[in-house]
Protein backbone atom coordinates (compact mmCIF):
# COMPACT_ATOMS: atom_id res chain seq x y z
CA MET A 1 -22.28 17.76 6.81
CA ASN A 2 -21.76 14.75 9.28
CA SER A 3 -24.74 14.94 11.96
CA SER A 4 -22.65 13.12 14.29
CA PHE A 5 -19.75 14.15 16.37
CA ASP A 6 -17.67 13.06 19.47
CA VAL A 7 -18.18 16.45 20.78
CA ILE A 8 -20.25 19.41 20.14
CA VAL A 9 -19.26 23.16 21.45
CA VAL A 10 -21.95 25.77 21.77
CA GLY A 11 -20.29 29.20 20.93
CA ALA A 12 -17.36 30.09 19.13
CA GLY A 13 -15.97 32.79 21.37
CA VAL A 14 -12.70 32.42 23.16
CA ALA A 15 -14.00 29.62 25.74
CA GLY A 16 -15.49 27.75 22.67
CA ALA A 17 -12.71 28.04 20.26
CA THR A 18 -10.02 27.10 22.84
CA THR A 19 -12.13 24.00 23.87
CA ALA A 20 -12.61 23.21 20.30
CA GLU A 21 -8.89 23.72 19.51
CA THR A 22 -8.03 21.32 22.25
CA VAL A 23 -10.34 18.72 21.64
CA ALA A 24 -9.51 18.57 17.96
CA SER A 25 -5.93 18.69 18.41
CA LEU A 26 -5.97 15.38 20.60
CA GLY A 27 -7.93 13.51 17.78
CA SER A 28 -11.67 13.54 18.56
CA SER A 29 -13.96 15.07 16.32
CA VAL A 30 -15.62 18.49 17.02
CA LEU A 31 -18.16 20.81 15.89
CA VAL A 32 -18.78 24.47 17.16
CA LEU A 33 -21.95 25.75 16.82
CA GLU A 34 -22.19 29.73 16.61
CA GLU A 35 -25.57 31.45 16.53
CA HIS A 36 -24.41 34.55 14.73
CA ASN A 37 -22.99 34.84 11.10
CA ARG A 38 -19.23 35.23 12.14
CA VAL A 39 -16.97 35.26 15.00
CA GLY A 40 -16.68 38.14 17.36
CA ILE A 41 -19.92 39.64 17.22
CA PRO A 42 -21.32 41.20 19.21
CA SER A 43 -17.97 42.27 20.83
CA HIS A 44 -18.49 43.64 24.44
CA CYS A 45 -15.00 43.29 25.96
CA SER A 46 -12.19 45.94 25.56
CA GLY A 47 -9.79 43.40 25.26
CA HIS A 48 -7.54 44.37 27.81
CA VAL A 49 -5.22 41.19 28.95
CA GLY A 50 -2.18 40.63 31.25
CA ILE A 51 0.88 40.11 28.74
CA ASN A 52 2.75 37.48 31.19
CA SER A 53 -0.61 35.37 31.36
CA MET A 54 -0.89 35.42 27.62
CA LYS A 55 2.55 34.49 27.01
CA ARG A 56 2.50 31.60 29.70
CA LEU A 57 -0.35 30.16 28.17
CA GLY A 58 1.17 30.38 24.72
CA ILE A 59 -0.97 32.79 23.17
CA SER A 60 0.79 35.36 21.05
CA PRO A 61 -1.62 37.14 18.84
CA PRO A 62 -0.54 38.56 15.52
CA GLU A 63 0.94 42.15 15.59
CA GLY A 64 -2.18 43.70 13.96
CA ILE A 65 -4.47 42.07 16.70
CA ILE A 66 -2.41 43.99 19.63
CA LYS A 67 -3.74 47.71 19.32
CA ASN A 68 -1.63 48.83 22.09
CA GLN A 69 0.61 48.09 24.97
CA ILE A 70 -0.16 49.35 28.47
CA ARG A 71 2.42 50.48 31.07
CA GLY A 72 0.07 51.56 33.97
CA ALA A 73 -2.93 53.35 34.93
CA ILE A 74 -3.95 56.87 35.84
CA PHE A 75 -6.58 56.75 38.70
CA HIS A 76 -8.91 59.73 39.25
CA SER A 77 -10.90 59.99 42.65
CA PRO A 78 -14.40 61.49 42.51
CA SER A 79 -13.09 65.18 43.48
CA GLY A 80 -10.40 65.09 40.84
CA GLN A 81 -7.32 63.82 42.53
CA SER A 82 -5.15 61.67 40.52
CA VAL A 83 -2.32 59.06 41.29
CA ARG A 84 -0.33 57.62 38.49
CA LEU A 85 1.16 54.10 38.85
CA GLU A 86 3.36 53.09 35.94
CA ARG A 87 6.11 50.74 35.01
CA GLN A 88 8.85 51.10 32.61
CA ASP A 89 7.86 48.18 30.47
CA PRO A 90 4.39 47.26 29.25
CA ILE A 91 2.23 45.01 31.49
CA THR A 92 -1.03 44.70 29.47
CA TRP A 93 -2.08 44.32 25.79
CA VAL A 94 -5.14 45.98 24.39
CA LEU A 95 -6.32 43.70 21.71
CA ASP A 96 -8.91 44.06 18.78
CA ARG A 97 -11.26 41.78 20.48
CA LYS A 98 -13.09 40.98 17.40
CA ALA A 99 -9.89 39.96 15.68
CA PHE A 100 -8.76 38.14 18.38
CA ASP A 101 -11.75 35.89 18.30
CA GLU A 102 -11.58 35.19 14.80
CA HIS A 103 -7.72 34.53 15.26
CA MET A 104 -8.75 31.85 17.95
CA ALA A 105 -11.64 30.39 15.86
CA THR A 106 -9.00 29.77 12.92
CA ARG A 107 -6.60 28.02 15.15
CA ALA A 108 -9.54 25.61 16.13
CA GLU A 109 -10.38 25.11 12.33
CA LYS A 110 -6.48 24.30 11.52
CA ALA A 111 -6.70 21.98 14.39
CA GLY A 112 -9.43 20.21 12.76
CA ALA A 113 -12.60 21.63 14.30
CA GLN A 114 -15.53 22.42 12.16
CA ILE A 115 -17.55 25.73 12.63
CA GLN A 116 -21.24 26.23 11.79
CA PHE A 117 -22.42 29.85 11.68
CA ASN A 118 -26.17 30.94 11.95
CA SER A 119 -26.72 27.68 14.06
CA ARG A 120 -28.27 28.40 17.40
CA ALA A 121 -28.49 25.48 19.81
CA VAL A 122 -32.14 25.51 21.12
CA SER A 123 -31.92 22.41 23.29
CA ILE A 124 -30.35 19.11 24.24
CA HIS A 125 -31.92 15.69 24.99
CA THR A 126 -30.10 12.74 26.86
CA HIS A 127 -30.71 9.24 27.04
CA SER A 128 -28.60 6.96 29.31
CA SER A 129 -27.71 4.82 26.41
CA GLU A 130 -27.81 6.99 23.37
CA PRO A 131 -25.87 9.85 21.99
CA ILE A 132 -26.90 13.42 23.12
CA GLN A 133 -29.24 15.22 20.53
CA VAL A 134 -28.82 18.86 20.10
CA GLN A 135 -31.63 20.49 18.20
CA VAL A 136 -30.30 23.39 16.24
CA GLY A 137 -32.78 26.05 14.98
CA ALA A 138 -36.46 26.13 15.20
CA GLY A 139 -39.22 25.55 12.98
CA ARG A 140 -38.76 24.42 9.26
CA GLU A 141 -35.06 25.22 9.71
CA SER A 142 -34.77 22.82 12.54
CA ARG A 143 -32.35 20.05 12.57
CA THR A 144 -30.91 17.54 14.99
CA LEU A 145 -27.25 16.77 15.58
CA LYS A 146 -25.86 13.94 17.68
CA CYS A 147 -22.67 14.02 19.86
CA GLY A 148 -21.18 11.91 22.81
CA LEU A 149 -20.44 15.17 24.87
CA ILE A 150 -21.76 18.74 24.77
CA ILE A 151 -19.96 21.71 26.03
CA ASP A 152 -21.70 24.79 26.82
CA CYS A 153 -19.69 28.02 26.04
CA GLU A 154 -22.52 30.24 25.23
CA GLY A 155 -21.48 33.14 27.21
CA ALA A 156 -23.13 35.18 30.07
CA ALA A 157 -26.67 34.38 29.50
CA PRO A 158 -26.65 30.45 28.68
CA THR A 159 -29.83 28.63 27.52
CA LEU A 160 -28.78 24.81 27.63
CA THR A 161 -27.59 24.68 31.20
CA PRO A 162 -29.68 22.75 33.51
CA ASP A 163 -32.51 24.10 34.88
CA ARG A 164 -31.39 23.76 38.72
CA LEU A 165 -28.92 26.51 37.76
CA ALA A 166 -31.46 29.02 36.90
CA SER A 167 -32.07 30.27 40.54
CA GLU A 168 -28.37 30.23 41.16
CA ARG A 169 -27.49 32.54 38.29
CA HIS A 170 -30.50 34.89 39.45
CA ARG A 171 -28.64 35.16 42.88
CA SER A 172 -25.50 36.09 41.33
CA MET A 173 -24.00 39.61 41.46
CA TRP A 174 -24.76 41.42 38.38
CA ILE A 175 -23.90 44.83 36.88
CA ASN A 176 -24.24 46.41 33.66
CA SER A 177 -21.59 47.85 31.11
CA ALA A 178 -21.66 50.35 28.29
CA GLN A 179 -18.85 50.81 25.87
CA VAL A 180 -17.96 52.91 22.77
CA HIS A 181 -15.03 53.20 20.59
CA VAL A 182 -14.18 56.84 20.06
CA GLU A 183 -11.77 58.46 17.55
CA ARG A 184 -9.11 61.22 18.02
CA VAL A 185 -9.03 61.45 21.78
CA ASN A 186 -7.33 64.72 23.21
CA ASP A 187 -4.56 64.98 25.52
CA LEU A 188 -4.37 61.12 26.57
CA ASP A 189 -1.23 59.17 27.55
CA ARG A 190 -1.41 56.40 24.87
CA ASP A 191 0.61 53.91 26.95
CA MET A 192 -1.64 54.36 30.17
CA VAL A 193 -5.21 53.29 30.96
CA GLU A 194 -7.68 56.26 32.53
CA ILE A 195 -9.90 55.19 35.54
CA TYR A 196 -12.63 57.45 36.99
CA LEU A 197 -14.02 56.56 40.22
CA GLY A 198 -16.92 58.05 41.79
CA SER A 199 -20.83 57.65 42.15
CA LYS A 200 -21.88 60.59 40.31
CA TYR A 201 -20.85 59.02 36.87
CA ALA A 202 -20.36 55.26 37.62
CA PRO A 203 -22.43 54.59 40.70
CA GLY A 204 -20.75 51.63 42.65
CA PHE A 205 -18.05 51.08 39.93
CA PHE A 206 -16.03 53.16 37.52
CA ALA A 207 -15.53 54.60 34.15
CA TRP A 208 -12.63 54.02 31.85
CA ILE A 209 -10.67 55.13 28.73
CA ILE A 210 -8.57 52.36 27.33
CA PRO A 211 -6.27 53.97 24.47
CA TRP A 212 -5.43 52.48 21.17
CA ARG A 213 -1.88 53.44 19.49
CA ASP A 214 -3.60 54.90 16.67
CA GLY A 215 -5.12 57.84 19.08
CA SER A 216 -8.61 56.19 19.45
CA ALA A 217 -9.93 54.54 22.63
CA LYS A 218 -12.31 52.37 24.27
CA VAL A 219 -14.75 54.45 26.61
CA GLY A 220 -17.02 52.79 28.93
CA LEU A 221 -18.25 52.42 32.41
CA ALA A 222 -20.01 49.77 34.65
CA THR A 223 -22.81 50.31 37.11
CA ARG A 224 -24.86 48.73 39.62
CA GLU A 225 -27.95 51.07 39.32
CA GLY A 226 -29.23 53.37 36.61
CA ASN A 227 -29.27 53.40 32.70
CA PRO A 228 -25.45 52.64 31.71
CA ARG A 229 -26.31 54.32 28.21
CA PHE A 230 -27.25 57.47 30.10
CA LEU A 231 -24.40 57.34 32.55
CA LEU A 232 -21.91 56.91 29.68
CA GLU A 233 -23.21 59.64 27.50
CA ARG A 234 -23.20 61.96 30.94
CA PHE A 235 -19.59 60.90 31.60
CA MET A 236 -18.36 61.70 28.43
CA THR A 237 -20.11 65.14 28.13
CA ARG A 238 -20.00 66.50 31.47
CA HIS A 239 -17.10 64.83 33.79
CA LEU A 240 -14.51 67.93 34.09
CA GLN A 241 -11.66 65.77 33.11
CA ALA A 242 -12.78 63.23 30.84
CA SER A 243 -14.93 65.44 28.94
CA ARG A 244 -12.09 67.63 27.73
CA LYS A 245 -10.24 64.66 26.29
CA LEU A 246 -13.50 63.46 24.77
CA LYS A 247 -14.73 66.76 23.21
CA GLY A 248 -15.54 66.48 19.48
CA THR A 249 -14.81 62.64 19.37
CA LYS A 250 -17.05 60.30 16.91
CA GLN A 251 -18.15 57.24 18.31
CA HIS A 252 -18.96 54.00 16.94
CA ASP A 253 -19.28 49.98 18.06
CA ALA A 254 -21.50 50.87 20.89
CA SER A 255 -22.10 47.79 23.05
CA PHE A 256 -24.15 47.38 26.22
CA HIS A 257 -23.71 44.15 28.12
CA PRO A 258 -24.67 42.54 31.72
CA MET A 259 -22.12 40.71 33.62
CA PRO A 260 -21.79 38.46 36.64
CA LEU A 261 -19.56 39.04 39.41
CA GLY A 262 -20.37 36.51 41.91
CA GLY A 263 -17.84 33.89 41.05
CA PRO A 264 -18.16 30.34 39.24
CA ILE A 265 -21.48 28.48 39.70
CA SER A 266 -21.64 25.87 41.90
CA LYS A 267 -21.12 22.82 39.53
CA THR A 268 -19.64 22.99 36.12
CA TYR A 269 -20.25 19.45 34.98
CA TYR A 270 -23.36 16.94 34.47
CA PRO A 271 -23.63 13.87 32.52
CA GLY A 272 -22.49 14.48 29.15
CA MET A 273 -21.86 18.19 29.61
CA LEU A 274 -19.13 20.41 30.49
CA ILE A 275 -19.75 24.29 31.03
CA VAL A 276 -17.14 26.86 30.52
CA GLY A 277 -16.10 30.29 30.45
CA ASP A 278 -18.85 33.06 30.90
CA SER A 279 -21.56 30.35 30.77
CA ALA A 280 -19.72 29.19 34.09
CA GLN A 281 -19.09 32.56 35.45
CA GLN A 282 -15.59 31.90 35.10
CA VAL A 283 -14.57 35.36 35.16
CA LYS A 284 -12.85 37.63 37.60
CA PRO A 285 -15.34 38.82 40.49
CA THR A 286 -12.80 41.99 40.83
CA THR A 287 -12.94 43.22 37.18
CA GLY A 288 -15.48 41.01 35.16
CA GLY A 289 -12.58 39.98 32.74
CA GLY A 290 -12.65 36.64 31.49
CA ILE A 291 -10.20 35.98 28.49
CA VAL A 292 -7.31 34.41 30.18
CA PHE A 293 -9.59 32.22 32.76
CA SER A 294 -11.27 31.14 29.44
CA LEU A 295 -8.18 29.95 27.84
CA VAL A 296 -7.16 28.03 30.94
CA CYS A 297 -10.71 26.41 31.56
CA GLY A 298 -11.28 25.96 27.91
CA ARG A 299 -7.96 23.75 27.63
CA ALA A 300 -8.94 21.88 30.81
CA ALA A 301 -12.56 21.26 29.59
CA GLY A 302 -11.08 20.16 26.07
CA GLU A 303 -8.48 17.51 27.57
CA ILE A 304 -11.08 16.03 29.96
CA ALA A 305 -13.70 15.83 27.00
CA HIS A 306 -11.30 13.74 24.56
CA GLU A 307 -10.07 11.53 27.49
CA ALA A 308 -14.13 10.98 28.26
CA ILE A 309 -14.70 10.08 24.67
CA ALA A 310 -11.74 7.84 24.24
CA ARG A 311 -12.77 5.69 27.50
CA ARG A 312 -16.48 6.11 26.44
CA ASP A 313 -17.51 7.39 29.77
CA VAL A 314 -19.25 10.68 29.81
CA SER A 315 -20.59 10.02 33.31
CA GLU A 316 -20.88 12.81 35.95
CA SER A 317 -18.49 11.17 37.87
CA PHE A 318 -15.55 11.10 35.31
CA LEU A 319 -16.42 14.64 34.07
CA SER A 320 -15.94 16.00 37.54
CA LYS A 321 -12.23 15.82 36.99
CA TYR A 322 -12.83 18.97 34.87
CA GLU A 323 -13.87 20.85 37.78
CA ARG A 324 -11.12 19.70 39.84
CA ARG A 325 -8.74 20.57 37.25
CA TRP A 326 -9.71 24.17 36.61
CA LYS A 327 -10.09 24.77 40.49
CA GLY A 328 -6.69 23.56 40.97
CA GLU A 329 -5.38 26.30 38.52
CA ILE A 330 -7.40 29.38 39.23
CA GLY A 331 -9.51 28.39 42.09
CA TYR A 332 -7.60 29.90 44.89
CA ASP A 333 -7.28 33.40 42.70
CA LEU A 334 -11.06 33.27 42.34
CA LYS A 335 -11.83 32.97 45.91
CA VAL A 336 -9.32 35.76 47.11
CA MET A 337 -10.63 38.19 44.07
CA ARG A 338 -14.34 37.63 45.35
CA ALA A 339 -12.80 38.48 48.87
CA ILE A 340 -11.06 41.45 47.56
CA ARG A 341 -14.17 42.50 45.71
CA ARG A 342 -16.54 42.26 48.97
CA MET A 343 -13.79 44.65 50.95
CA LEU A 344 -13.78 47.03 47.93
CA PHE A 345 -17.70 46.80 47.78
CA ARG A 346 -18.26 49.31 50.68
CA LEU A 347 -15.82 52.21 49.79
CA PRO A 348 -17.93 55.02 49.43
CA ASP A 349 -16.45 58.25 47.80
CA ARG A 350 -15.19 59.77 51.03
CA GLN A 351 -13.18 56.82 51.89
CA LEU A 352 -11.83 56.68 48.20
CA GLU A 353 -10.68 60.21 48.87
CA ARG A 354 -8.77 59.26 51.92
CA ILE A 355 -7.10 56.51 49.84
CA PHE A 356 -6.23 58.88 47.18
CA SER A 357 -4.65 61.33 49.61
CA VAL A 358 -2.48 58.90 51.30
CA ALA A 359 -1.39 57.38 47.90
CA ARG A 360 -0.29 60.69 46.76
CA SER A 361 1.82 61.27 50.00
CA LEU A 362 3.49 57.71 49.63
CA ASN A 363 5.75 56.23 47.32
CA VAL A 364 3.41 53.69 45.63
CA GLY A 365 5.02 53.18 42.47
CA ASP A 366 7.12 50.36 43.15
CA VAL A 367 4.14 48.07 43.86
CA LEU A 368 4.02 47.34 40.29
CA GLY A 369 7.41 45.64 40.73
CA ARG A 370 5.55 42.60 42.77
CA ALA A 371 2.50 42.61 40.15
CA ASP A 372 4.01 41.04 37.14
CA ASP A 373 1.08 38.55 36.71
CA ILE A 374 -1.93 40.56 37.13
CA ASP A 375 -4.43 37.79 36.38
CA ALA A 376 -3.39 35.73 39.43
CA GLN A 377 -4.58 38.38 41.96
CA GLY A 378 -4.67 35.66 44.98
CA ARG A 379 -1.33 35.23 44.59
CA ILE A 380 -0.39 39.10 44.22
CA LEU A 381 -2.41 39.55 47.47
CA ALA A 382 -0.33 36.99 49.41
CA ARG A 383 2.79 38.97 48.63
CA LEU A 384 1.33 42.53 49.31
CA ALA A 385 -0.45 41.51 52.50
CA LEU A 386 1.74 43.04 54.67
CA ASP A 387 2.31 46.34 52.58
CA PRO A 388 1.00 49.27 54.02
CA ARG A 389 -0.19 50.62 50.52
CA LEU A 390 -2.40 47.61 50.02
CA ALA A 391 -5.33 49.41 49.11
CA ILE A 392 -3.92 51.42 46.04
CA SER A 393 -2.09 48.12 45.24
CA LEU A 394 -5.45 46.35 45.22
CA LEU A 395 -6.73 48.97 42.83
CA TYR A 396 -4.13 48.53 40.57
CA SER A 397 -3.97 44.77 40.26
CA SER A 398 -7.87 44.61 40.08
CA VAL A 399 -8.39 47.25 37.42
CA LEU A 400 -5.41 47.04 35.28
CA SER A 401 -6.07 43.59 34.22
CA LEU A 402 -9.50 44.60 32.52
CA PRO A 403 -10.99 47.76 33.47
CA PHE A 404 -14.72 46.71 33.74
CA ILE A 405 -15.40 46.39 37.48
CA MET A 406 -13.36 47.19 40.22
CA TYR A 407 -15.30 47.71 43.27
CA SER A 408 -19.11 47.91 44.18
CA ARG A 409 -21.66 47.51 46.76
CA GLU A 410 -24.06 44.74 47.22
CA VAL A 411 -26.22 44.33 43.83
CA SER A 412 -29.75 42.93 43.93
CA ALA A 413 -30.22 39.49 43.70
CA ARG A 414 -32.61 40.11 40.78
CA ARG A 415 -30.48 40.04 37.58
CA PRO A 416 -30.68 43.45 35.76
CA HIS A 417 -31.69 44.05 32.24
CA VAL A 418 -30.00 46.38 29.98
């Protein structure tokens, strides 16, 4: 295989595959390094995405990848009150995340990108007048590849980013999540997500049940404290309402994953290098969702990378165009989502109960009519700012897009370990 490429992308997830597809389709040679033996593993994501956002980006997964279409959400308060918000038409898809990652990787290959599996990028070496050297593997299996530009799409725990970002990552707001796939869930509305709030089972965050149309579901929770494995087991077996739905179900595909919620890193470009997706913390501070933003930022990175190669200019000055571009598309929404999250940080159980009581006495269903694009939460907030039902609207727009994290209190500056 060729040992020199215009661009090397590290990681074949959604961010990496989208970046590689864009670069290759524009005519630059690109290699994707994937440390695992296949795309889509391990899978930590529930695959819950906004339909309008995906269609706007031109992403229409094959029917077999779309495991359900969701019309709304049922929120459960700590004491057991419930609020149901729904629309007549579906607003989100539930994707088979492994299959979706494979689909995006196939798109990249069809565009001309090459993918190497079992290939872990260990280190990079840059010289002002020479190609970037990428060391792949260690020991006797080690080899060196060369490229004009490297794009870091490793995920939430990158190892190749500049050392100066290490302290910044430790200051990020991290939480831990746990999720399992369960079969034959009882008494579940198959087109509604279920959200369970309260500090007893998911301290600082919430638990979720995301149904597939075949009667199975993704069940999980996120927490700012405690062991997520233990908390998830306790939720599934002891929660008054959820345990009845989950009694007797079989579990598989357990995953445990830390996620950053502090917003993007301060700088996503360096000489000869761009940082994209979870590596850049380009995820929703309200929910931890990253699929749509990875698509947006991956395309921006791919376009700028090709332009840089064509101009033979991979300087920091030129590559700064990437950050200006993605911030122009999602920067406003990220800032507003961070503000929303900080506001929701401080909601103790007793205040949540008040919100539920008010919501049950008001007609809150029509807020969904003004929340078509649930990924653009900044623009949603602008439209809902004067609505007296704002709190429940924010719960909806934050949670329904990807049920991982809706609210929390401040987390420790030290990154947690699962």
